[in-house]
Amino acid sequence: MSPAQKLRAAERLYHSARQLKKAALRAEHPDWNDETIRQAVRDIFLYARG
C-alpha cells in the first residue's frame, strides 16, 4: 500500500469511527439534540475519551 493509500484508509477509518460514536450516542441519549451530539463527538475525539 502506498503512503497516499494509507492516508486515505486512515481518513476513512477516522470518519467511520466518528459516525459510529455518533450513532452510539444517539442510541444512549435519544433526548439529545443534533448540536449536543455533535459537540459530544467532537469532545470525545478531541480529548481521546469515551
PDB file of N, CA and C in Angstrom:
ATOM      1  N   MET A   1       0.860  -1.174   0.000  1.00  0.00           N
ATOM      2  CA  MET A   1       0.000   0.000   0.000  1.00  0.00           C
ATOM      3  C   MET A   1       0.910   1.243   0.000  1.00  0.00           C
ATOM      4  N   SER A   2       0.598   2.162  -0.873  1.00  0.00           N
ATOM      5  CA  SER A   2       1.406   3.380  -0.955  1.00  0.00           C
ATOM      6  C   SER A   2       1.081   4.293   0.231  1.00  0.00           C
ATOM      7  N   PRO A   3       1.954   5.260   0.518  1.00  0.00           N
ATOM      8  CA  PRO A   3       1.651   6.199   1.605  1.00  0.00           C
ATOM      9  C   PRO A   3       0.329   6.945   1.396  1.00  0.00           C
ATOM     10  N   ALA A   4       0.047   7.320   0.160  1.00  0.00           N
ATOM     11  CA  ALA A   4      -1.210   8.026  -0.111  1.00  0.00           C
ATOM     12  C   ALA A   4      -2.411   7.119   0.168  1.00  0.00           C
ATOM     13  N   GLN A   5      -2.310   5.857  -0.181  1.00  0.00           N
ATOM     14  CA  GLN A   5      -3.399   4.911   0.088  1.00  0.00           C
ATOM     15  C   GLN A   5      -3.578   4.710   1.591  1.00  0.00           C
ATOM     16  N   LYS A   6      -2.475   4.658   2.312  1.00  0.00           N
ATOM     17  CA  LYS A   6      -2.540   4.506   3.771  1.00  0.00           C
ATOM     18  C   LYS A   6      -3.227   5.709   4.404  1.00  0.00           C
ATOM     19  N   LEU A   7      -2.897   6.890   3.907  1.00  0.00           N
ATOM     20  CA  LEU A   7      -3.514   8.102   4.437  1.00  0.00           C
ATOM     21  C   LEU A   7      -5.021   8.098   4.170  1.00  0.00           C
ATOM     22  N   ARG A   8      -5.431   7.728   2.980  1.00  0.00           N
ATOM     23  CA  ARG A   8      -6.862   7.667   2.659  1.00  0.00           C
ATOM     24  C   ARG A   8      -7.571   6.630   3.527  1.00  0.00           C
ATOM     25  N   ALA A   9      -6.914   5.498   3.749  1.00  0.00           N
ATOM     26  CA  ALA A   9      -7.513   4.461   4.599  1.00  0.00           C
ATOM     27  C   ALA A   9      -7.671   4.972   6.035  1.00  0.00           C
ATOM     28  N   ALA A  10      -6.677   5.680   6.538  1.00  0.00           N
ATOM     29  CA  ALA A  10      -6.746   6.236   7.889  1.00  0.00           C
ATOM     30  C   ALA A  10      -7.876   7.265   7.988  1.00  0.00           C
ATOM     31  N   GLU A  11      -8.014   8.085   6.957  1.00  0.00           N
ATOM     32  CA  GLU A  11      -9.092   9.080   6.950  1.00  0.00           C
ATOM     33  C   GLU A  11     -10.457   8.405   6.951  1.00  0.00           C
ATOM     34  N   ARG A  12     -10.604   7.332   6.195  1.00  0.00           N
ATOM     35  CA  ARG A  12     -11.875   6.604   6.173  1.00  0.00           C
ATOM     36  C   ARG A  12     -12.177   5.978   7.531  1.00  0.00           C
ATOM     37  N   LEU A  13     -11.147   5.411   8.160  1.00  0.00           N
ATOM     38  CA  LEU A  13     -11.336   4.814   9.483  1.00  0.00           C
ATOM     39  C   LEU A  13     -11.750   5.864  10.511  1.00  0.00           C
ATOM     40  N   TYR A  14     -11.101   7.028  10.457  1.00  0.00           N
ATOM     41  CA  TYR A  14     -11.422   8.107  11.388  1.00  0.00           C
ATOM     42  C   TYR A  14     -12.871   8.557  11.191  1.00  0.00           C
ATOM     43  N   HIS A  15     -13.267   8.740   9.946  1.00  0.00           N
ATOM     44  CA  HIS A  15     -14.636   9.163   9.647  1.00  0.00           C
ATOM     45  C   HIS A  15     -15.637   8.097  10.123  1.00  0.00           C
ATOM     46  N   SER A  16     -15.321   6.849   9.876  1.00  0.00           N
ATOM     47  CA  SER A  16     -16.200   5.756  10.312  1.00  0.00           C
ATOM     48  C   SER A  16     -16.319   5.707  11.826  1.00  0.00           C
ATOM     49  N   ALA A  17     -15.216   5.911  12.522  1.00  0.00           N
ATOM     50  CA  ALA A  17     -15.232   5.898  13.985  1.00  0.00           C
ATOM     51  C   ALA A  17     -16.118   7.017  14.525  1.00  0.00           C
ATOM     52  N   ARG A  18     -16.034   8.185  13.915  1.00  0.00           N
ATOM     53  CA  ARG A  18     -16.882   9.304  14.352  1.00  0.00           C
ATOM     54  C   ARG A  18     -18.361   9.001  14.100  1.00  0.00           C
ATOM     55  N   GLN A  19     -18.665   8.402  12.962  1.00  0.00           N
ATOM     56  CA  GLN A  19     -20.053   8.059  12.647  1.00  0.00           C
ATOM     57  C   GLN A  19     -20.591   7.010  13.618  1.00  0.00           C
ATOM     58  N   LEU A  20     -19.771   6.030  13.948  1.00  0.00           N
ATOM     59  CA  LEU A  20     -20.188   5.002  14.906  1.00  0.00           C
ATOM     60  C   LEU A  20     -20.421   5.593  16.297  1.00  0.00           C
ATOM     61  N   LYS A  21     -19.534   6.484  16.718  1.00  0.00           N
ATOM     62  CA  LYS A  21     -19.693   7.114  18.030  1.00  0.00           C
ATOM     63  C   LYS A  21     -20.958   7.977  18.049  1.00  0.00           C
ATOM     64  N   LYS A  22     -21.212   8.677  16.946  1.00  0.00           N
ATOM     65  CA  LYS A  22     -22.425   9.490  16.839  1.00  0.00           C
ATOM     66  C   LYS A  22     -23.671   8.621  16.968  1.00  0.00           C
ATOM     67  N   ALA A  23     -23.685   7.490  16.288  1.00  0.00           N
ATOM     68  CA  ALA A  23     -24.824   6.579  16.357  1.00  0.00           C
ATOM     69  C   ALA A  23     -24.985   6.007  17.762  1.00  0.00           C
ATOM     70  N   ALA A  24     -23.883   5.673  18.397  1.00  0.00           N
ATOM     71  CA  ALA A  24     -23.946   5.127  19.759  1.00  0.00           C
ATOM     72  C   ALA A  24     -24.499   6.167  20.736  1.00  0.00           C
ATOM     73  N   LEU A  25     -24.046   7.403  20.601  1.00  0.00           N
ATOM     74  CA  LEU A  25     -24.552   8.452  21.490  1.00  0.00           C
ATOM     75  C   LEU A  25     -26.033   8.702  21.263  1.00  0.00           C
ATOM     76  N   ARG A  26     -26.473   8.653  20.018  1.00  0.00           N
ATOM     77  CA  ARG A  26     -27.911   8.827  19.729  1.00  0.00           C
ATOM     78  C   ARG A  26     -28.725   7.710  20.388  1.00  0.00           C
ATOM     79  N   ALA A  27     -28.205   6.493  20.348  1.00  0.00           N
ATOM     80  CA  ALA A  27     -28.913   5.365  20.964  1.00  0.00           C
ATOM     81  C   ALA A  27     -28.940   5.493  22.488  1.00  0.00           C
ATOM     82  N   GLU A  28     -27.838   5.951  23.065  1.00  0.00           N
ATOM     83  CA  GLU A  28     -27.748   6.090  24.522  1.00  0.00           C
ATOM     84  C   GLU A  28     -28.536   7.291  25.043  1.00  0.00           C
ATOM     85  N   HIS A  29     -28.621   8.330  24.233  1.00  0.00           N
ATOM     86  CA  HIS A  29     -29.243   9.588  24.668  1.00  0.00           C
ATOM     87  C   HIS A  29     -30.248  10.077  23.620  1.00  0.00           C
ATOM     88  N   PRO A  30     -31.381   9.419  23.494  1.00  0.00           N
ATOM     89  CA  PRO A  30     -32.353   9.804  22.464  1.00  0.00           C
ATOM     90  C   PRO A  30     -32.908  11.219  22.658  1.00  0.00           C
ATOM     91  N   ASP A  31     -32.766  11.760  23.850  1.00  0.00           N
ATOM     92  CA  ASP A  31     -33.281  13.103  24.130  1.00  0.00           C
ATOM     93  C   ASP A  31     -32.315  14.213  23.715  1.00  0.00           C
ATOM     94  N   TRP A  32     -31.068  13.874  23.365  1.00  0.00           N
ATOM     95  CA  TRP A  32     -30.089  14.885  22.965  1.00  0.00           C
ATOM     96  C   TRP A  32     -30.398  15.376  21.558  1.00  0.00           C
ATOM     97  N   ASN A  33     -30.227  16.683  21.338  1.00  0.00           N
ATOM     98  CA  ASN A  33     -30.435  17.236  20.002  1.00  0.00           C
ATOM     99  C   ASN A  33     -29.150  17.083  19.165  1.00  0.00           C
ATOM    100  N   ASP A  34     -29.230  17.442  17.895  1.00  0.00           N
ATOM    101  CA  ASP A  34     -28.103  17.269  16.974  1.00  0.00           C
ATOM    102  C   ASP A  34     -26.856  18.021  17.430  1.00  0.00           C
ATOM    103  N   GLU A  35     -27.043  19.227  17.935  1.00  0.00           N
ATOM    104  CA  GLU A  35     -25.892  20.032  18.361  1.00  0.00           C
ATOM    105  C   GLU A  35     -25.197  19.407  19.566  1.00  0.00           C
ATOM    106  N   THR A  36     -25.970  18.895  20.494  1.00  0.00           N
ATOM    107  CA  THR A  36     -25.394  18.245  21.672  1.00  0.00           C
ATOM    108  C   THR A  36     -24.598  17.007  21.256  1.00  0.00           C
ATOM    109  N   ILE A  37     -25.146  16.224  20.346  1.00  0.00           N
ATOM    110  CA  ILE A  37     -24.445  15.036  19.831  1.00  0.00           C
ATOM    111  C   ILE A  37     -23.157  15.449  19.140  1.00  0.00           C
ATOM    112  N   ARG A  38     -23.236  16.475  18.278  1.00  0.00           N
ATOM    113  CA  ARG A  38     -22.059  16.937  17.540  1.00  0.00           C
ATOM    114  C   ARG A  38     -20.950  17.377  18.498  1.00  0.00           C
ATOM    115  N   GLN A  39     -21.328  18.131  19.520  1.00  0.00           N
ATOM    116  CA  GLN A  39     -20.324  18.599  20.478  1.00  0.00           C
ATOM    117  C   GLN A  39     -19.749  17.451  21.304  1.00  0.00           C
ATOM    118  N   ALA A  40     -20.574  16.486  21.659  1.00  0.00           N
ATOM    119  CA  ALA A  40     -20.090  15.335  22.427  1.00  0.00           C
ATOM    120  C   ALA A  40     -19.086  14.531  21.605  1.00  0.00           C
ATOM    121  N   VAL A  41     -19.401  14.297  20.333  1.00  0.00           N
ATOM    122  CA  VAL A  41     -18.469  13.565  19.458  1.00  0.00           C
ATOM    123  C   VAL A  41     -17.166  14.345  19.327  1.00  0.00           C
ATOM    124  N   ARG A  42     -17.292  15.654  19.127  1.00  0.00           N
ATOM    125  CA  ARG A  42     -16.096  16.489  18.999  1.00  0.00           C
ATOM    126  C   ARG A  42     -15.225  16.384  20.251  1.00  0.00           C
ATOM    127  N   ASP A  43     -15.829  16.521  21.411  1.00  0.00           N
ATOM    128  CA  ASP A  43     -15.079  16.453  22.664  1.00  0.00           C
ATOM    129  C   ASP A  43     -14.443  15.084  22.876  1.00  0.00           C
ATOM    130  N   ILE A  44     -15.182  14.041  22.557  1.00  0.00           N
ATOM    131  CA  ILE A  44     -14.644  12.688  22.738  1.00  0.00           C
ATOM    132  C   ILE A  44     -13.389  12.491  21.884  1.00  0.00           C
ATOM    133  N   PHE A  45     -13.432  12.937  20.641  1.00  0.00           N
ATOM    134  CA  PHE A  45     -12.279  12.748  19.771  1.00  0.00           C
ATOM    135  C   PHE A  45     -11.176  13.765  20.064  1.00  0.00           C
ATOM    136  N   LEU A  46     -11.533  14.950  20.484  1.00  0.00           N
ATOM    137  CA  LEU A  46     -10.542  15.962  20.798  1.00  0.00           C
ATOM    138  C   LEU A  46      -9.730  15.588  22.040  1.00  0.00           C
ATOM    139  N   TYR A  47     -10.414  15.050  23.039  1.00  0.00           N
ATOM    140  CA  TYR A  47      -9.766  14.728  24.305  1.00  0.00           C
ATOM    141  C   TYR A  47      -9.514  13.238  24.489  1.00  0.00           C
ATOM    142  N   ALA A  48      -9.757  12.442  23.435  1.00  0.00           N
ATOM    143  CA  ALA A  48      -9.488  10.992  23.420  1.00  0.00           C
ATOM    144  C   ALA A  48     -10.069  10.283  24.640  1.00  0.00           C
ATOM    145  N   ARG A  49     -11.346  10.482  24.836  1.00  0.00           N
ATOM    146  CA  ARG A  49     -12.026   9.800  25.931  1.00  0.00           C
ATOM    147  C   ARG A  49     -13.332   9.233  25.405  1.00  0.00           C
ATOM    148  N   GLY A  50     -13.899   8.295  26.141  1.00  0.00           N
ATOM    149  CA  GLY A  50     -15.105   7.870  25.815  1.00  0.00           C
ATOM    150  C   GLY A  50     -15.912   6.850  25.423  1.00  0.00           C
TER     151      GLY A  50
END
